Amino acid sequence: MKLAATVAFVLAVVATPREAFWAFGVHAAVVVGAAAAGRLPPGFLLRRLLIEIPFLLFAVFLPFLGSGERIEVLGMSLSRQGLWAAWNIVAKATLGAAASVILAATTRVPDLLKAFARLHFPRVLTAMMGFMVRYLDVVIGELGRMRTALRSRAYRPRWIGEARALAAVAGTLFVRSYERGERVYLAMQARGYRGVMPELEAAAAPTRQWAGAGAVVALAATVASLGWMLR
């Protein structure tokens, strides 16, 4: 339910015209309200939003590289279309990333995987995501043990030539992870695994949650529609 509502909200944000500043303000208020309802501290949300920095860096150069009409801003000649494109990317990417962070922070991984399956997401990709999440801690632990082994052998690289050992560590980690994955898969097949994990519980979302998610989606869709009508 929350996954479908998040996807619908992001689609409404993407469909909002870039000239409707007030509409993006309403979308931002919805995101802040959802974060407050999920009891997520602002610092937590801001740290997770650092993942969108590459997109923001791309947007920074658009006003300088864009074509068309030029305007003067603080003594710099900027493209009007580039400024609009930069604003469009920053606003929509930030709101979409924030909605995704809130969804991931307030929903258990098994529940997300069940939601992907119920939305008819490709079964193979759902299984891959599930295994990736389940065994990420195992791989990180293996990497920590290999790092400890390097330190115990006084490995302190000071120039680029001494960093070759890191390539060997990466290769060894890949081989060990692959072999462990093969053993786990064979063990699961021996126990009857046929590509779908058994669903131990099938609890339906309460009516209150459906009403809240529907209200958020309806509000976002209404704001996007008004944004086009009031252009």
C-alpha atoms as a PDB file:
ATOM      1  CA  MET A   1       0.000   0.000   0.000  1.00  0.00           C
ATOM      2  CA  LYS A   2       2.737   2.484   0.974  1.00  0.00           C
ATOM      3  CA  LEU A   3       4.810   1.463  -2.037  1.00  0.00           C
ATOM      4  CA  ALA A   4       1.938   2.106  -4.440  1.00  0.00           C
ATOM      5  CA  ALA A   5       1.173   5.436  -2.750  1.00  0.00           C
ATOM      6  CA  THR A   6       4.831   6.493  -2.994  1.00  0.00           C
ATOM      7  CA  VAL A   7       5.000   5.611  -6.680  1.00  0.00           C
ATOM      8  CA  ALA A   8       1.778   7.533  -7.359  1.00  0.00           C
ATOM      9  CA  PHE A   9       3.061  10.539  -5.391  1.00  0.00           C
ATOM     10  CA  VAL A  10       6.344  10.588  -7.342  1.00  0.00           C
ATOM     11  CA  LEU A  11       4.436  10.383 -10.630  1.00  0.00           C
ATOM     12  CA  ALA A  12       2.292  13.336  -9.550  1.00  0.00           C
ATOM     13  CA  VAL A  13       5.421  15.328  -8.677  1.00  0.00           C
ATOM     14  CA  VAL A  14       6.969  14.524 -12.060  1.00  0.00           C
ATOM     15  CA  ALA A  15       3.749  15.557 -13.817  1.00  0.00           C
ATOM     16  CA  THR A  16       3.662  18.942 -12.033  1.00  0.00           C
ATOM     17  CA  PRO A  17       4.623  21.827 -14.354  1.00  0.00           C
ATOM     18  CA  ARG A  18       7.913  23.434 -13.435  1.00  0.00           C
ATOM     19  CA  GLU A  19       6.384  26.931 -13.394  1.00  0.00           C
ATOM     20  CA  ALA A  20       3.995  26.058 -10.530  1.00  0.00           C
ATOM     21  CA  PHE A  21       6.200  26.976  -7.579  1.00  0.00           C
ATOM     22  CA  TRP A  22       3.275  26.851  -5.157  1.00  0.00           C
ATOM     23  CA  ALA A  23       2.542  23.256  -6.208  1.00  0.00           C
ATOM     24  CA  PHE A  24       6.050  22.156  -5.293  1.00  0.00           C
ATOM     25  CA  GLY A  25       5.589  23.904  -1.956  1.00  0.00           C
ATOM     26  CA  VAL A  26       2.488  21.785  -1.317  1.00  0.00           C
ATOM     27  CA  HIS A  27       4.361  18.620  -2.333  1.00  0.00           C
ATOM     28  CA  ALA A  28       7.192  19.553   0.022  1.00  0.00           C
ATOM     29  CA  ALA A  29       4.699  20.082   2.850  1.00  0.00           C
ATOM     30  CA  VAL A  30       3.306  16.589   2.211  1.00  0.00           C
ATOM     31  CA  VAL A  31       6.826  15.129   2.405  1.00  0.00           C
ATOM     32  CA  VAL A  32       7.575  16.992   5.640  1.00  0.00           C
ATOM     33  CA  GLY A  33       4.269  15.810   7.097  1.00  0.00           C
ATOM     34  CA  ALA A  34       5.037  12.199   6.154  1.00  0.00           C
ATOM     35  CA  ALA A  35       8.484  12.457   7.748  1.00  0.00           C
ATOM     36  CA  ALA A  36       6.943  13.891  10.906  1.00  0.00           C
ATOM     37  CA  ALA A  37       4.338  11.114  10.987  1.00  0.00           C
ATOM     38  CA  GLY A  38       7.129   8.560  10.631  1.00  0.00           C
ATOM     39  CA  ARG A  39       9.109  10.281  13.419  1.00  0.00           C
ATOM     40  CA  LEU A  40      12.143  10.758  11.203  1.00  0.00           C
ATOM     41  CA  PRO A  41      14.594  13.438  12.421  1.00  0.00           C
ATOM     42  CA  PRO A  42      15.466  16.127   9.858  1.00  0.00           C
ATOM     43  CA  GLY A  43      19.153  15.220  10.086  1.00  0.00           C
ATOM     44  CA  PHE A  44      18.402  11.606   9.179  1.00  0.00           C
ATOM     45  CA  LEU A  45      16.452  12.661   6.104  1.00  0.00           C
ATOM     46  CA  LEU A  46      19.095  15.161   4.986  1.00  0.00           C
ATOM     47  CA  ARG A  47      21.913  12.635   5.314  1.00  0.00           C
ATOM     48  CA  ARG A  48      20.034  10.132   3.170  1.00  0.00           C
ATOM     49  CA  LEU A  49      19.386  12.804   0.540  1.00  0.00           C
ATOM     50  CA  LEU A  50      23.120  13.111  -0.123  1.00  0.00           C
ATOM     51  CA  ILE A  51      22.654  10.343  -2.671  1.00  0.00           C
ATOM     52  CA  GLU A  52      21.193  12.878  -5.114  1.00  0.00           C
ATOM     53  CA  ILE A  53      24.278  15.121  -5.118  1.00  0.00           C
ATOM     54  CA  PRO A  54      25.471  13.863  -8.577  1.00  0.00           C
ATOM     55  CA  PHE A  55      22.139  14.912 -10.088  1.00  0.00           C
ATOM     56  CA  LEU A  56      22.336  18.304  -8.419  1.00  0.00           C
ATOM     57  CA  LEU A  57      25.875  18.829  -9.712  1.00  0.00           C
ATOM     58  CA  PHE A  58      24.617  18.108 -13.218  1.00  0.00           C
ATOM     59  CA  ALA A  59      21.837  20.641 -12.747  1.00  0.00           C
ATOM     60  CA  VAL A  60      24.294  23.343 -11.643  1.00  0.00           C
ATOM     61  CA  PHE A  61      25.935  23.411 -15.077  1.00  0.00           C
ATOM     62  CA  LEU A  62      22.710  23.636 -17.071  1.00  0.00           C
ATOM     63  CA  PRO A  63      22.300  27.436 -16.729  1.00  0.00           C
ATOM     64  CA  PHE A  64      25.838  27.914 -18.065  1.00  0.00           C
ATOM     65  CA  LEU A  65      25.622  25.382 -20.897  1.00  0.00           C
ATOM     66  CA  GLY A  66      22.011  25.941 -21.962  1.00  0.00           C
ATOM     67  CA  SER A  67      21.103  27.685 -25.182  1.00  0.00           C
ATOM     68  CA  GLY A  68      18.460  30.250 -26.007  1.00  0.00           C
ATOM     69  CA  GLU A  69      17.750  33.538 -24.274  1.00  0.00           C
ATOM     70  CA  ARG A  70      20.423  34.721 -21.803  1.00  0.00           C
ATOM     71  CA  ILE A  71      19.841  36.728 -18.633  1.00  0.00           C
ATOM     72  CA  GLU A  72      22.224  38.414 -16.199  1.00  0.00           C
ATOM     73  CA  VAL A  73      22.311  36.999 -12.654  1.00  0.00           C
ATOM     74  CA  LEU A  74      24.955  38.373 -10.250  1.00  0.00           C
ATOM     75  CA  GLY A  75      27.072  39.438 -13.201  1.00  0.00           C
ATOM     76  CA  MET A  76      26.894  36.024 -14.893  1.00  0.00           C
ATOM     77  CA  SER A  77      25.242  35.314 -18.229  1.00  0.00           C
ATOM     78  CA  LEU A  78      22.874  32.377 -17.730  1.00  0.00           C
ATOM     79  CA  SER A  79      20.458  30.581 -20.014  1.00  0.00           C
ATOM     80  CA  ARG A  80      16.812  31.094 -19.100  1.00  0.00           C
ATOM     81  CA  GLN A  81      15.926  27.600 -20.315  1.00  0.00           C
ATOM     82  CA  GLY A  82      18.893  26.207 -18.409  1.00  0.00           C
ATOM     83  CA  LEU A  83      17.665  27.833 -15.214  1.00  0.00           C
ATOM     84  CA  TRP A  84      14.202  26.334 -15.679  1.00  0.00           C
ATOM     85  CA  ALA A  85      15.701  22.915 -16.396  1.00  0.00           C
ATOM     86  CA  ALA A  86      17.954  23.126 -13.326  1.00  0.00           C
ATOM     87  CA  TRP A  87      15.025  24.078 -11.092  1.00  0.00           C
ATOM     88  CA  ASN A  88      12.940  21.274 -12.559  1.00  0.00           C
ATOM     89  CA  ILE A  89      15.612  18.658 -11.837  1.00  0.00           C
ATOM     90  CA  VAL A  90      16.411  19.909  -8.333  1.00  0.00           C
ATOM     91  CA  ALA A  91      12.787  20.180  -7.203  1.00  0.00           C
ATOM     92  CA  LYS A  92      11.523  16.898  -8.604  1.00  0.00           C
ATOM     93  CA  ALA A  93      14.628  14.850  -7.774  1.00  0.00           C
ATOM     94  CA  THR A  94      14.674  16.115  -4.179  1.00  0.00           C
ATOM     95  CA  LEU A  95      10.985  15.418  -3.591  1.00  0.00           C
ATOM     96  CA  GLY A  96      11.188  11.985  -5.212  1.00  0.00           C
ATOM     97  CA  ALA A  97      14.306  11.021  -3.274  1.00  0.00           C
ATOM     98  CA  ALA A  98      12.785  12.254  -0.010  1.00  0.00           C
ATOM     99  CA  ALA A  99       9.629  10.196  -0.583  1.00  0.00           C
ATOM    100  CA  SER A 100      11.749   7.106  -1.298  1.00  0.00           C
ATOM    101  CA  VAL A 101      13.852   7.644   1.832  1.00  0.00           C
ATOM    102  CA  ILE A 102      10.728   7.962   3.977  1.00  0.00           C
ATOM    103  CA  LEU A 103       9.301   4.774   2.476  1.00  0.00           C
ATOM    104  CA  ALA A 104      12.512   2.818   3.089  1.00  0.00           C
ATOM    105  CA  ALA A 105      12.908   4.151   6.633  1.00  0.00           C
ATOM    106  CA  THR A 106       9.346   3.395   7.740  1.00  0.00           C
ATOM    107  CA  THR A 107       8.804   0.017   6.059  1.00  0.00           C
ATOM    108  CA  ARG A 108      10.418  -3.310   6.823  1.00  0.00           C
ATOM    109  CA  VAL A 109      12.368  -4.948   4.021  1.00  0.00           C
ATOM    110  CA  PRO A 110      10.172  -8.099   3.967  1.00  0.00           C
ATOM    111  CA  ASP A 111       7.097  -5.889   3.635  1.00  0.00           C
ATOM    112  CA  LEU A 112       8.686  -4.014   0.722  1.00  0.00           C
ATOM    113  CA  LEU A 113       9.500  -7.276  -1.021  1.00  0.00           C
ATOM    114  CA  LYS A 114       5.917  -8.474  -0.535  1.00  0.00           C
ATOM    115  CA  ALA A 115       4.661  -5.197  -1.977  1.00  0.00           C
ATOM    116  CA  PHE A 116       6.878  -5.585  -5.050  1.00  0.00           C
ATOM    117  CA  ALA A 117       5.558  -9.117  -5.543  1.00  0.00           C
ATOM    118  CA  ARG A 118       1.910  -8.034  -5.199  1.00  0.00           C
ATOM    119  CA  LEU A 119       2.491  -5.273  -7.743  1.00  0.00           C
ATOM    120  CA  HIS A 120       3.691  -7.979 -10.170  1.00  0.00           C
ATOM    121  CA  PHE A 121       7.302  -6.817 -10.158  1.00  0.00           C
ATOM    122  CA  PRO A 122       9.519  -9.350 -12.024  1.00  0.00           C
ATOM    123  CA  ARG A 123       9.993 -12.351  -9.751  1.00  0.00           C
ATOM    124  CA  VAL A 124      13.696 -12.722 -10.510  1.00  0.00           C
ATOM    125  CA  LEU A 125      14.458  -9.111  -9.583  1.00  0.00           C
ATOM    126  CA  THR A 126      12.432  -9.392  -6.380  1.00  0.00           C
ATOM    127  CA  ALA A 127      14.363 -12.510  -5.373  1.00  0.00           C
ATOM    128  CA  MET A 128      17.681 -10.799  -6.155  1.00  0.00           C
ATOM    129  CA  MET A 129      16.770  -7.792  -3.997  1.00  0.00           C
ATOM    130  CA  GLY A 130      15.755 -10.074  -1.144  1.00  0.00           C
ATOM    131  CA  PHE A 131      18.998 -12.034  -1.211  1.00  0.00           C
ATOM    132  CA  MET A 132      21.050  -8.865  -1.555  1.00  0.00           C
ATOM    133  CA  VAL A 133      19.516  -7.385   1.575  1.00  0.00           C
ATOM    134  CA  ARG A 134      19.710 -10.615   3.556  1.00  0.00           C
ATOM    135  CA  TYR A 135      23.381 -11.267   2.806  1.00  0.00           C
ATOM    136  CA  LEU A 136      24.706  -7.715   2.745  1.00  0.00           C
ATOM    137  CA  ASP A 137      25.700  -7.982   6.411  1.00  0.00           C
ATOM    138  CA  VAL A 138      27.501 -11.258   5.680  1.00  0.00           C
ATOM    139  CA  VAL A 139      29.559  -9.660   2.910  1.00  0.00           C
ATOM    140  CA  ILE A 140      30.328  -6.599   5.053  1.00  0.00           C
ATOM    141  CA  GLY A 141      31.457  -8.880   7.866  1.00  0.00           C
ATOM    142  CA  GLU A 142      33.736 -10.784   5.495  1.00  0.00           C
ATOM    143  CA  LEU A 143      35.214  -7.511   4.270  1.00  0.00           C
ATOM    144  CA  GLY A 144      35.838  -6.448   7.873  1.00  0.00           C
ATOM    145  CA  ARG A 145      37.725  -9.669   8.612  1.00  0.00           C
ATOM    146  CA  MET A 146      39.881  -9.227   5.509  1.00  0.00           C
ATOM    147  CA  ARG A 147      40.614  -5.641   6.496  1.00  0.00           C
ATOM    148  CA  THR A 148      41.649  -6.797   9.972  1.00  0.00           C
ATOM    149  CA  ALA A 149      43.945  -9.381   8.384  1.00  0.00           C
ATOM    150  CA  LEU A 150      45.630  -6.659   6.320  1.00  0.00           C
ATOM    151  CA  ARG A 151      46.138  -4.445   9.337  1.00  0.00           C
ATOM    152  CA  SER A 152      47.550  -7.297  11.380  1.00  0.00           C
ATOM    153  CA  ARG A 153      50.180  -7.702   8.653  1.00  0.00           C
ATOM    154  CA  ALA A 154      51.134  -4.014   8.970  1.00  0.00           C
ATOM    155  CA  TYR A 155      49.529  -3.031   5.678  1.00  0.00           C
ATOM    156  CA  ARG A 156      49.647   0.773   5.609  1.00  0.00           C
ATOM    157  CA  PRO A 157      49.767   1.907   1.965  1.00  0.00           C
ATOM    158  CA  ARG A 158      51.621   5.161   1.461  1.00  0.00           C
ATOM    159  CA  TRP A 159      51.992   5.227  -2.313  1.00  0.00           C
ATOM    160  CA  ILE A 160      49.944   4.020  -5.265  1.00  0.00           C
ATOM    161  CA  GLY A 161      52.029   0.923  -5.911  1.00  0.00           C
ATOM    162  CA  GLU A 162      51.209  -0.505  -2.505  1.00  0.00           C
ATOM    163  CA  ALA A 163      47.486  -0.322  -3.235  1.00  0.00           C
ATOM    164  CA  ARG A 164      47.630  -3.401  -5.463  1.00  0.00           C
ATOM    165  CA  ALA A 165      46.693  -5.518  -2.467  1.00  0.00           C
ATOM    166  CA  LEU A 166      43.279  -3.851  -2.471  1.00  0.00           C
ATOM    167  CA  ALA A 167      42.593  -5.294  -5.924  1.00  0.00           C
ATOM    168  CA  ALA A 168      43.468  -8.754  -4.604  1.00  0.00           C
ATOM    169  CA  VAL A 169      41.147  -8.209  -1.640  1.00  0.00           C
ATOM    170  CA  ALA A 170      38.304  -7.162  -3.938  1.00  0.00           C
ATOM    171  CA  GLY A 171      38.789 -10.238  -6.122  1.00  0.00           C
ATOM    172  CA  THR A 172      38.934 -12.568  -3.130  1.00  0.00           C
ATOM    173  CA  LEU A 173      35.816 -11.002  -1.646  1.00  0.00           C
ATOM    174  CA  PHE A 174      33.941 -11.474  -4.924  1.00  0.00           C
ATOM    175  CA  VAL A 175      34.963 -15.132  -5.190  1.00  0.00           C
ATOM    176  CA  ARG A 176      34.028 -15.882  -1.583  1.00  0.00           C
ATOM    177  CA  SER A 177      30.672 -14.130  -1.932  1.00  0.00           C
ATOM    178  CA  TYR A 178      29.912 -15.974  -5.169  1.00  0.00           C
ATOM    179  CA  GLU A 179      30.809 -19.348  -3.677  1.00  0.00           C
ATOM    180  CA  ARG A 180      28.743 -18.705  -0.577  1.00  0.00           C
ATOM    181  CA  GLY A 181      25.805 -17.659  -2.714  1.00  0.00           C
ATOM    182  CA  GLU A 182      26.081 -20.880  -4.715  1.00  0.00           C
ATOM    183  CA  ARG A 183      26.096 -22.984  -1.537  1.00  0.00           C
ATOM    184  CA  VAL A 184      23.111 -21.131  -0.102  1.00  0.00           C
ATOM    185  CA  TYR A 185      21.157 -21.492  -3.350  1.00  0.00           C
ATOM    186  CA  LEU A 186      21.823 -25.226  -3.556  1.00  0.00           C
ATOM    187  CA  ALA A 187      20.783 -25.658   0.071  1.00  0.00           C
ATOM    188  CA  MET A 188      17.551 -23.757  -0.592  1.00  0.00           C
ATOM    189  CA  GLN A 189      16.800 -25.857  -3.657  1.00  0.00           C
ATOM    190  CA  ALA A 190      17.309 -29.009  -1.603  1.00  0.00           C
ATOM    191  CA  ARG A 191      14.645 -27.681   0.773  1.00  0.00           C
ATOM    192  CA  GLY A 192      12.095 -27.056  -1.957  1.00  0.00           C
ATOM    193  CA  TYR A 193      12.857 -23.490  -3.057  1.00  0.00           C
ATOM    194  CA  ARG A 194      11.440 -22.812  -6.539  1.00  0.00           C
ATOM    195  CA  GLY A 195      12.016 -19.100  -6.955  1.00  0.00           C
ATOM    196  CA  VAL A 196       9.470 -17.764  -4.452  1.00  0.00           C
ATOM    197  CA  MET A 197       9.979 -17.374  -0.728  1.00  0.00           C
ATOM    198  CA  PRO A 198       7.105 -18.768   1.390  1.00  0.00           C
ATOM    199  CA  GLU A 199       4.817 -16.080   2.792  1.00  0.00           C
ATOM    200  CA  LEU A 200       4.432 -16.798   6.486  1.00  0.00           C
ATOM    201  CA  GLU A 201       1.970 -14.004   7.174  1.00  0.00           C
ATOM    202  CA  ALA A 202      -0.436 -12.121   4.939  1.00  0.00           C
ATOM    203  CA  ALA A 203      -1.665  -9.275   7.094  1.00  0.00           C
ATOM    204  CA  ALA A 204      -3.785  -6.739   5.249  1.00  0.00           C
ATOM    205  CA  ALA A 205      -3.245  -3.032   5.786  1.00  0.00           C
ATOM    206  CA  PRO A 206      -5.865  -1.445   8.058  1.00  0.00           C
ATOM    207  CA  THR A 207      -8.492   0.847   6.603  1.00  0.00           C
ATOM    208  CA  ARG A 208      -6.920   3.874   8.289  1.00  0.00           C
ATOM    209  CA  GLN A 209      -3.670   3.384   6.393  1.00  0.00           C
ATOM    210  CA  TRP A 210      -5.492   2.966   3.090  1.00  0.00           C
ATOM    211  CA  ALA A 211      -7.415   6.179   3.757  1.00  0.00           C
ATOM    212  CA  GLY A 212      -4.242   8.096   4.604  1.00  0.00           C
ATOM    213  CA  ALA A 213      -2.364   6.843   1.548  1.00  0.00           C
ATOM    214  CA  GLY A 214      -5.347   7.583  -0.696  1.00  0.00           C
ATOM    215  CA  ALA A 215      -5.607  11.114   0.685  1.00  0.00           C
ATOM    216  CA  VAL A 216      -1.933  11.799  -0.019  1.00  0.00           C
ATOM    217  CA  VAL A 217      -2.205  10.507  -3.587  1.00  0.00           C
ATOM    218  CA  ALA A 218      -5.436  12.428  -4.218  1.00  0.00           C
ATOM    219  CA  LEU A 219      -3.879  15.640  -2.889  1.00  0.00           C
ATOM    220  CA  ALA A 220      -0.752  15.246  -5.023  1.00  0.00           C
ATOM    221  CA  ALA A 221      -2.789  14.496  -8.145  1.00  0.00           C
ATOM    222  CA  THR A 222      -5.077  17.466  -7.495  1.00  0.00           C
ATOM    223  CA  VAL A 223      -2.138  19.819  -6.996  1.00  0.00           C
ATOM    224  CA  ALA A 224      -0.500  18.603 -10.232  1.00  0.00           C
ATOM    225  CA  SER A 225      -3.749  19.103 -12.142  1.00  0.00           C
ATOM    226  CA  LEU A 226      -4.280  22.595 -10.737  1.00  0.00           C
ATOM    227  CA  GLY A 227      -0.707  23.435 -11.625  1.00  0.00           C
ATOM    228  CA  TRP A 228      -1.465  22.802 -15.292  1.00  0.00           C
ATOM    229  CA  MET A 229      -4.822  24.584 -15.178  1.00  0.00           C
ATOM    230  CA  LEU A 230      -3.404  27.731 -13.525  1.00  0.00           C
ATOM    231  CA  ARG A 231      -0.351  28.112 -15.746  1.00  0.00           C
END
